[in-house]
Amino acid sequence: MAKGKTPLRLCIACREMKPKKEMLRIVKNADGEIFSDPTGKAAGRGAYICADEKCRKLLGAKKLLNKAFSSPVATDVYERIEGENI
């Protein structure tokens, strides 16, 4: 039996395509809340970041979520995401 294709997603920090299961999805829902989504199924606009520590540091340093969600993101959101494990 043939296997299906592995879904790939783009890391917003390093701009590399990687398998979706290896990445952390960050979601902005309809209420404007921004949080990590370990299930990958939460409703809202999503952005992906890979497990590399450099990418997580770059996420906060360059305020990449501001660009991904086209709105200002609080610094505590960046700190919370940097501290999470994938």
PDB file of N, CA and C in Angstrom:
ATOM      1  N   MET A   1       0.845  -1.179   0.000  1.00  0.00           N
ATOM      2  CA  MET A   1       0.000   0.000   0.000  1.00  0.00           C
ATOM      3  C   MET A   1       0.895   1.249   0.000  1.00  0.00           C
ATOM      4  N   ALA A   2       0.580   2.209  -0.831  1.00  0.00           N
ATOM      5  CA  ALA A   2       1.371   3.434  -0.948  1.00  0.00           C
ATOM      6  C   ALA A   2       1.065   4.381   0.212  1.00  0.00           C
ATOM      7  N   LYS A   3       2.113   5.003   0.715  1.00  0.00           N
ATOM      8  CA  LYS A   3       1.931   5.988   1.783  1.00  0.00           C
ATOM      9  C   LYS A   3       1.563   7.332   1.177  1.00  0.00           C
ATOM     10  N   GLY A   4       0.834   8.133   1.954  1.00  0.00           N
ATOM     11  CA  GLY A   4       0.473   9.467   1.506  1.00  0.00           C
ATOM     12  C   GLY A   4       1.655  10.416   1.618  1.00  0.00           C
ATOM     13  N   LYS A   5       1.500  11.570   1.082  1.00  0.00           N
ATOM     14  CA  LYS A   5       2.554  12.568   1.144  1.00  0.00           C
ATOM     15  C   LYS A   5       2.654  13.134   2.558  1.00  0.00           C
ATOM     16  N   THR A   6       3.852  13.476   2.975  1.00  0.00           N
ATOM     17  CA  THR A   6       4.073  14.109   4.271  1.00  0.00           C
ATOM     18  C   THR A   6       3.838  15.603   4.109  1.00  0.00           C
ATOM     19  N   PRO A   7       2.934  16.189   4.912  1.00  0.00           N
ATOM     20  CA  PRO A   7       2.702  17.631   4.779  1.00  0.00           C
ATOM     21  C   PRO A   7       3.920  18.419   5.253  1.00  0.00           C
ATOM     22  N   LEU A   8       4.316  19.405   4.474  1.00  0.00           N
ATOM     23  CA  LEU A   8       5.455  20.262   4.801  1.00  0.00           C
ATOM     24  C   LEU A   8       4.956  21.656   5.141  1.00  0.00           C
ATOM     25  N   ARG A   9       5.658  22.303   6.050  1.00  0.00           N
ATOM     26  CA  ARG A   9       5.333  23.676   6.428  1.00  0.00           C
ATOM     27  C   ARG A   9       6.611  24.499   6.448  1.00  0.00           C
ATOM     28  N   LEU A  10       6.475  25.802   6.252  1.00  0.00           N
ATOM     29  CA  LEU A  10       7.599  26.724   6.202  1.00  0.00           C
ATOM     30  C   LEU A  10       7.842  27.330   7.577  1.00  0.00           C
ATOM     31  N   CYS A  11       9.065  27.224   8.083  1.00  0.00           N
ATOM     32  CA  CYS A  11       9.435  27.854   9.347  1.00  0.00           C
ATOM     33  C   CYS A  11       9.564  29.359   9.094  1.00  0.00           C
ATOM     34  N   ILE A  12       8.903  30.177   9.921  1.00  0.00           N
ATOM     35  CA  ILE A  12       8.930  31.618   9.685  1.00  0.00           C
ATOM     36  C   ILE A  12      10.266  32.244  10.070  1.00  0.00           C
ATOM     37  N   ALA A  13      11.118  31.494  10.762  1.00  0.00           N
ATOM     38  CA  ALA A  13      12.419  32.030  11.157  1.00  0.00           C
ATOM     39  C   ALA A  13      13.510  31.667  10.148  1.00  0.00           C
ATOM     40  N   CYS A  14      13.717  30.375   9.903  1.00  0.00           N
ATOM     41  CA  CYS A  14      14.802  29.959   9.013  1.00  0.00           C
ATOM     42  C   CYS A  14      14.355  29.805   7.563  1.00  0.00           C
ATOM     43  N   ARG A  15      13.036  29.875   7.315  1.00  0.00           N
ATOM     44  CA  ARG A  15      12.444  29.802   5.974  1.00  0.00           C
ATOM     45  C   ARG A  15      12.713  28.460   5.289  1.00  0.00           C
ATOM     46  N   GLU A  16      12.836  27.376   6.068  1.00  0.00           N
ATOM     47  CA  GLU A  16      13.026  26.041   5.514  1.00  0.00           C
ATOM     48  C   GLU A  16      11.723  25.256   5.583  1.00  0.00           C
ATOM     49  N   MET A  17      11.478  24.439   4.573  1.00  0.00           N
ATOM     50  CA  MET A  17      10.322  23.554   4.560  1.00  0.00           C
ATOM     51  C   MET A  17      10.682  22.302   5.343  1.00  0.00           C
ATOM     52  N   LYS A  18       9.840  21.961   6.330  1.00  0.00           N
ATOM     53  CA  LYS A  18      10.078  20.791   7.162  1.00  0.00           C
ATOM     54  C   LYS A  18       8.754  20.077   7.387  1.00  0.00           C
ATOM     55  N   PRO A  19       8.801  18.795   7.779  1.00  0.00           N
ATOM     56  CA  PRO A  19       7.555  18.068   8.056  1.00  0.00           C
ATOM     57  C   PRO A  19       6.750  18.748   9.164  1.00  0.00           C
ATOM     58  N   LYS A  20       5.448  18.799   8.984  1.00  0.00           N
ATOM     59  CA  LYS A  20       4.547  19.476   9.910  1.00  0.00           C
ATOM     60  C   LYS A  20       4.675  18.933  11.335  1.00  0.00           C
ATOM     61  N   LYS A  21       4.865  17.637  11.489  1.00  0.00           N
ATOM     62  CA  LYS A  21       4.945  17.028  12.822  1.00  0.00           C
ATOM     63  C   LYS A  21       6.176  17.459  13.605  1.00  0.00           C
ATOM     64  N   GLU A  22       7.203  17.955  12.939  1.00  0.00           N
ATOM     65  CA  GLU A  22       8.430  18.391  13.606  1.00  0.00           C
ATOM     66  C   GLU A  22       8.377  19.858  14.015  1.00  0.00           C
ATOM     67  N   MET A  23       7.276  20.526  13.755  1.00  0.00           N
ATOM     68  CA  MET A  23       7.199  21.960  13.980  1.00  0.00           C
ATOM     69  C   MET A  23       6.129  22.311  15.004  1.00  0.00           C
ATOM     70  N   LEU A  24       6.245  23.501  15.564  1.00  0.00           N
ATOM     71  CA  LEU A  24       5.264  24.024  16.506  1.00  0.00           C
ATOM     72  C   LEU A  24       4.386  25.032  15.775  1.00  0.00           C
ATOM     73  N   ARG A  25       3.084  24.858  15.888  1.00  0.00           N
ATOM     74  CA  ARG A  25       2.144  25.794  15.261  1.00  0.00           C
ATOM     75  C   ARG A  25       1.749  26.844  16.280  1.00  0.00           C
ATOM     76  N   ILE A  26       1.800  28.081  15.870  1.00  0.00           N
ATOM     77  CA  ILE A  26       1.386  29.206  16.699  1.00  0.00           C
ATOM     78  C   ILE A  26       0.148  29.789  16.034  1.00  0.00           C
ATOM     79  N   VAL A  27      -0.896  29.999  16.831  1.00  0.00           N
ATOM     80  CA  VAL A  27      -2.201  30.380  16.285  1.00  0.00           C
ATOM     81  C   VAL A  27      -2.652  31.727  16.828  1.00  0.00           C
ATOM     82  N   LYS A  28      -3.278  32.506  15.954  1.00  0.00           N
ATOM     83  CA  LYS A  28      -4.000  33.711  16.369  1.00  0.00           C
ATOM     84  C   LYS A  28      -5.467  33.435  16.052  1.00  0.00           C
ATOM     85  N   ASN A  29      -6.286  33.333  17.109  1.00  0.00           N
ATOM     86  CA  ASN A  29      -7.693  32.998  16.890  1.00  0.00           C
ATOM     87  C   ASN A  29      -8.529  34.246  16.610  1.00  0.00           C
ATOM     88  N   ALA A  30      -9.819  34.065  16.446  1.00  0.00           N
ATOM     89  CA  ALA A  30     -10.720  35.159  16.091  1.00  0.00           C
ATOM     90  C   ALA A  30     -10.791  36.234  17.179  1.00  0.00           C
ATOM     91  N   ASP A  31     -10.512  35.865  18.428  1.00  0.00           N
ATOM     92  CA  ASP A  31     -10.522  36.830  19.531  1.00  0.00           C
ATOM     93  C   ASP A  31      -9.220  37.605  19.636  1.00  0.00           C
ATOM     94  N   GLY A  32      -8.233  37.269  18.808  1.00  0.00           N
ATOM     95  CA  GLY A  32      -6.951  37.958  18.837  1.00  0.00           C
ATOM     96  C   GLY A  32      -5.953  37.333  19.795  1.00  0.00           C
ATOM     97  N   GLU A  33      -6.296  36.213  20.429  1.00  0.00           N
ATOM     98  CA  GLU A  33      -5.375  35.532  21.337  1.00  0.00           C
ATOM     99  C   GLU A  33      -4.328  34.782  20.527  1.00  0.00           C
ATOM    100  N   ILE A  34      -3.082  34.822  20.995  1.00  0.00           N
ATOM    101  CA  ILE A  34      -1.999  34.123  20.321  1.00  0.00           C
ATOM    102  C   ILE A  34      -1.454  33.077  21.287  1.00  0.00           C
ATOM    103  N   PHE A  35      -1.398  31.828  20.813  1.00  0.00           N
ATOM    104  CA  PHE A  35      -0.949  30.728  21.656  1.00  0.00           C
ATOM    105  C   PHE A  35      -0.383  29.611  20.788  1.00  0.00           C
ATOM    106  N   SER A  36       0.381  28.701  21.416  1.00  0.00           N
ATOM    107  CA  SER A  36       0.902  27.563  20.676  1.00  0.00           C
ATOM    108  C   SER A  36      -0.182  26.494  20.588  1.00  0.00           C
ATOM    109  N   ASP A  37      -0.156  25.744  19.516  1.00  0.00           N
ATOM    110  CA  ASP A  37      -1.165  24.719  19.255  1.00  0.00           C
ATOM    111  C   ASP A  37      -0.461  23.381  19.014  1.00  0.00           C
ATOM    112  N   PRO A  38      -0.265  22.589  20.074  1.00  0.00           N
ATOM    113  CA  PRO A  38       0.436  21.309  19.896  1.00  0.00           C
ATOM    114  C   PRO A  38      -0.348  20.303  19.038  1.00  0.00           C
ATOM    115  N   THR A  39      -1.673  20.421  18.975  1.00  0.00           N
ATOM    116  CA  THR A  39      -2.473  19.497  18.170  1.00  0.00           C
ATOM    117  C   THR A  39      -2.430  19.846  16.686  1.00  0.00           C
ATOM    118  N   GLY A  40      -2.190  21.119  16.375  1.00  0.00           N
ATOM    119  CA  GLY A  40      -2.168  21.563  14.983  1.00  0.00           C
ATOM    120  C   GLY A  40      -3.544  21.698  14.377  1.00  0.00           C
ATOM    121  N   LYS A  41      -4.588  21.715  15.222  1.00  0.00           N
ATOM    122  CA  LYS A  41      -5.951  21.740  14.707  1.00  0.00           C
ATOM    123  C   LYS A  41      -6.797  22.899  15.227  1.00  0.00           C
ATOM    124  N   ALA A  42      -6.223  23.782  16.001  1.00  0.00           N
ATOM    125  CA  ALA A  42      -6.994  24.902  16.548  1.00  0.00           C
ATOM    126  C   ALA A  42      -7.415  25.844  15.423  1.00  0.00           C
ATOM    127  N   ALA A  43      -8.584  26.437  15.575  1.00  0.00           N
ATOM    128  CA  ALA A  43      -9.096  27.363  14.570  1.00  0.00           C
ATOM    129  C   ALA A  43      -8.338  28.681  14.637  1.00  0.00           C
ATOM    130  N   GLY A  44      -8.038  29.244  13.490  1.00  0.00           N
ATOM    131  CA  GLY A  44      -7.373  30.535  13.432  1.00  0.00           C
ATOM    132  C   GLY A  44      -6.210  30.536  12.463  1.00  0.00           C
ATOM    133  N   ARG A  45      -5.589  31.679  12.343  1.00  0.00           N
ATOM    134  CA  ARG A  45      -4.434  31.860  11.470  1.00  0.00           C
ATOM    135  C   ARG A  45      -3.219  31.224  12.124  1.00  0.00           C
ATOM    136  N   GLY A  46      -2.479  30.392  11.396  1.00  0.00           N
ATOM    137  CA  GLY A  46      -1.345  29.688  11.964  1.00  0.00           C
ATOM    138  C   GLY A  46      -0.022  30.094  11.347  1.00  0.00           C
ATOM    139  N   ALA A  47       1.025  29.989  12.158  1.00  0.00           N
ATOM    140  CA  ALA A  47       2.396  30.182  11.703  1.00  0.00           C
ATOM    141  C   ALA A  47       3.218  29.068  12.331  1.00  0.00           C
ATOM    142  N   TYR A  48       4.254  28.619  11.648  1.00  0.00           N
ATOM    143  CA  TYR A  48       5.034  27.486  12.127  1.00  0.00           C
ATOM    144  C   TYR A  48       6.464  27.898  12.444  1.00  0.00           C
ATOM    145  N   ILE A  49       7.007  27.264  13.495  1.00  0.00           N
ATOM    146  CA  ILE A  49       8.395  27.490  13.898  1.00  0.00           C
ATOM    147  C   ILE A  49       9.003  26.110  14.160  1.00  0.00           C
ATOM    148  N   CYS A  50      10.241  25.890  13.724  1.00  0.00           N
ATOM    149  CA  CYS A  50      10.863  24.583  13.929  1.00  0.00           C
ATOM    150  C   CYS A  50      11.494  24.500  15.325  1.00  0.00           C
ATOM    151  N   ALA A  51      11.997  23.335  15.655  1.00  0.00           N
ATOM    152  CA  ALA A  51      12.491  23.056  17.007  1.00  0.00           C
ATOM    153  C   ALA A  51      13.870  23.650  17.277  1.00  0.00           C
ATOM    154  N   ASP A  52      14.542  24.161  16.273  1.00  0.00           N
ATOM    155  CA  ASP A  52      15.893  24.693  16.435  1.00  0.00           C
ATOM    156  C   ASP A  52      15.905  25.885  17.396  1.00  0.00           C
ATOM    157  N   GLU A  53      16.828  25.886  18.325  1.00  0.00           N
ATOM    158  CA  GLU A  53      16.911  26.962  19.321  1.00  0.00           C
ATOM    159  C   GLU A  53      17.214  28.314  18.666  1.00  0.00           C
ATOM    160  N   LYS A  54      18.019  28.302  17.604  1.00  0.00           N
ATOM    161  CA  LYS A  54      18.323  29.552  16.898  1.00  0.00           C
ATOM    162  C   LYS A  54      17.058  30.174  16.320  1.00  0.00           C
ATOM    163  N   CYS A  55      16.175  29.345  15.814  1.00  0.00           N
ATOM    164  CA  CYS A  55      14.929  29.847  15.233  1.00  0.00           C
ATOM    165  C   CYS A  55      14.045  30.487  16.300  1.00  0.00           C
ATOM    166  N   ARG A  56      14.002  29.881  17.462  1.00  0.00           N
ATOM    167  CA  ARG A  56      13.187  30.444  18.544  1.00  0.00           C
ATOM    168  C   ARG A  56      13.726  31.785  19.019  1.00  0.00           C
ATOM    169  N   LYS A  57      15.048  31.910  19.084  1.00  0.00           N
ATOM    170  CA  LYS A  57      15.634  33.186  19.496  1.00  0.00           C
ATOM    171  C   LYS A  57      15.386  34.249  18.426  1.00  0.00           C
ATOM    172  N   LEU A  58      15.499  33.850  17.175  1.00  0.00           N
ATOM    173  CA  LEU A  58      15.266  34.758  16.052  1.00  0.00           C
ATOM    174  C   LEU A  58      13.810  35.220  16.010  1.00  0.00           C
ATOM    175  N   LEU A  59      12.898  34.347  16.436  1.00  0.00           N
ATOM    176  CA  LEU A  59      11.478  34.667  16.475  1.00  0.00           C
ATOM    177  C   LEU A  59      11.214  35.929  17.289  1.00  0.00           C
ATOM    178  N   GLY A  60      11.804  36.012  18.488  1.00  0.00           N
ATOM    179  CA  GLY A  60      11.618  37.180  19.347  1.00  0.00           C
ATOM    180  C   GLY A  60      12.472  38.361  18.934  1.00  0.00           C
ATOM    181  N   ALA A  61      13.698  38.079  18.492  1.00  0.00           N
ATOM    182  CA  ALA A  61      14.623  39.151  18.139  1.00  0.00           C
ATOM    183  C   ALA A  61      14.116  39.977  16.958  1.00  0.00           C
ATOM    184  N   LYS A  62      13.529  39.312  15.977  1.00  0.00           N
ATOM    185  CA  LYS A  62      13.050  40.010  14.781  1.00  0.00           C
ATOM    186  C   LYS A  62      11.542  40.239  14.779  1.00  0.00           C
ATOM    187  N   LYS A  63      10.879  39.860  15.897  1.00  0.00           N
ATOM    188  CA  LYS A  63       9.422  40.045  16.020  1.00  0.00           C
ATOM    189  C   LYS A  63       8.684  39.442  14.817  1.00  0.00           C
ATOM    190  N   LEU A  64       8.993  38.194  14.517  1.00  0.00           N
ATOM    191  CA  LEU A  64       8.455  37.539  13.329  1.00  0.00           C
ATOM    192  C   LEU A  64       6.958  37.266  13.407  1.00  0.00           C
ATOM    193  N   LEU A  65       6.422  37.108  14.620  1.00  0.00           N
ATOM    194  CA  LEU A  65       4.978  36.897  14.726  1.00  0.00           C
ATOM    195  C   LEU A  65       4.204  38.159  14.366  1.00  0.00           C
ATOM    196  N   ASN A  66       4.796  39.319  14.608  1.00  0.00           N
ATOM    197  CA  ASN A  66       4.157  40.575  14.193  1.00  0.00           C
ATOM    198  C   ASN A  66       3.943  40.574  12.681  1.00  0.00           C
ATOM    199  N   LYS A  67       4.953  40.088  11.958  1.00  0.00           N
ATOM    200  CA  LYS A  67       4.857  40.039  10.502  1.00  0.00           C
ATOM    201  C   LYS A  67       3.884  38.960  10.049  1.00  0.00           C
ATOM    202  N   ALA A  68       3.940  37.790  10.689  1.00  0.00           N
ATOM    203  CA  ALA A  68       3.093  36.667  10.278  1.00  0.00           C
ATOM    204  C   ALA A  68       1.611  36.961  10.500  1.00  0.00           C
ATOM    205  N   PHE A  69       1.294  37.642  11.599  1.00  0.00           N
ATOM    206  CA  PHE A  69      -0.102  37.908  11.928  1.00  0.00           C
ATOM    207  C   PHE A  69      -0.531  39.335  11.599  1.00  0.00           C
ATOM    208  N   SER A  70       0.352  40.139  11.049  1.00  0.00           N
ATOM    209  CA  SER A  70       0.065  41.522  10.658  1.00  0.00           C
ATOM    210  C   SER A  70      -0.560  42.332  11.792  1.00  0.00           C
ATOM    211  N   SER A  71      -0.051  42.125  12.996  1.00  0.00           N
ATOM    212  CA  SER A  71      -0.532  42.874  14.155  1.00  0.00           C
ATOM    213  C   SER A  71       0.529  42.802  15.253  1.00  0.00           C
ATOM    214  N   PRO A  72       0.515  43.753  16.182  1.00  0.00           N
ATOM    215  CA  PRO A  72       1.499  43.721  17.265  1.00  0.00           C
ATOM    216  C   PRO A  72       1.280  42.529  18.195  1.00  0.00           C
ATOM    217  N   VAL A  73       2.389  41.934  18.642  1.00  0.00           N
ATOM    218  CA  VAL A  73       2.348  40.784  19.545  1.00  0.00           C
ATOM    219  C   VAL A  73       3.141  41.146  20.793  1.00  0.00           C
ATOM    220  N   ALA A  74       2.570  40.876  21.964  1.00  0.00           N
ATOM    221  CA  ALA A  74       3.215  41.212  23.235  1.00  0.00           C
ATOM    222  C   ALA A  74       4.485  40.386  23.434  1.00  0.00           C
ATOM    223  N   THR A  75       5.449  40.967  24.138  1.00  0.00           N
ATOM    224  CA  THR A  75       6.720  40.285  24.376  1.00  0.00           C
ATOM    225  C   THR A  75       6.554  39.042  25.239  1.00  0.00           C
ATOM    226  N   ASP A  76       5.552  39.009  26.114  1.00  0.00           N
ATOM    227  CA  ASP A  76       5.363  37.814  26.937  1.00  0.00           C
ATOM    228  C   ASP A  76       4.958  36.606  26.094  1.00  0.00           C
ATOM    229  N   VAL A  77       4.315  36.834  24.958  1.00  0.00           N
ATOM    230  CA  VAL A  77       3.966  35.736  24.053  1.00  0.00           C
ATOM    231  C   VAL A  77       5.246  35.134  23.475  1.00  0.00           C
ATOM    232  N   TYR A  78       6.183  35.980  23.065  1.00  0.00           N
ATOM    233  CA  TYR A  78       7.460  35.495  22.538  1.00  0.00           C
ATOM    234  C   TYR A  78       8.212  34.708  23.605  1.00  0.00           C
ATOM    235  N   GLU A  79       8.235  35.216  24.832  1.00  0.00           N
ATOM    236  CA  GLU A  79       8.944  34.542  25.923  1.00  0.00           C
ATOM    237  C   GLU A  79       8.328  33.178  26.210  1.00  0.00           C
ATOM    238  N   ARG A  80       7.007  33.108  26.202  1.00  0.00           N
ATOM    239  CA  ARG A  80       6.316  31.845  26.456  1.00  0.00           C
ATOM    240  C   ARG A  80       6.642  30.812  25.379  1.00  0.00           C
ATOM    241  N   ILE A  81       6.658  31.241  24.126  1.00  0.00           N
ATOM    242  CA  ILE A  81       6.942  30.325  23.015  1.00  0.00           C
ATOM    243  C   ILE A  81       8.397  29.858  23.037  1.00  0.00           C
ATOM    244  N   GLU A  82       9.308  30.762  23.374  1.00  0.00           N
ATOM    245  CA  GLU A  82      10.728  30.380  23.459  1.00  0.00           C
ATOM    246  C   GLU A  82      10.947  29.298  24.499  1.00  0.00           C
ATOM    247  N   GLY A  83      10.174  29.320  25.589  1.00  0.00           N
ATOM    248  CA  GLY A  83      10.345  28.372  26.671  1.00  0.00           C
ATOM    249  C   GLY A  83       9.678  27.029  26.461  1.00  0.00           C
ATOM    250  N   GLU A  84       8.840  26.890  25.432  1.00  0.00           N
ATOM    251  CA  GLU A  84       8.110  25.643  25.206  1.00  0.00           C
ATOM    252  C   GLU A  84       8.969  24.605  24.528  1.00  0.00           C
ATOM    253  N   ASN A  85       8.637  23.343  24.765  1.00  0.00           N
ATOM    254  CA  ASN A  85       9.318  22.217  24.121  1.00  0.00           C
ATOM    255  C   ASN A  85       8.482  21.715  22.964  1.00  0.00           C
ATOM    256  N   ILE A  86       9.173  21.288  21.933  1.00  0.00           N
ATOM    257  CA  ILE A  86       8.478  20.712  20.775  1.00  0.00           C
ATOM    258  C   ILE A  86       8.619  19.206  20.833  1.00  0.00           C
TER     259      ILE A  86
END
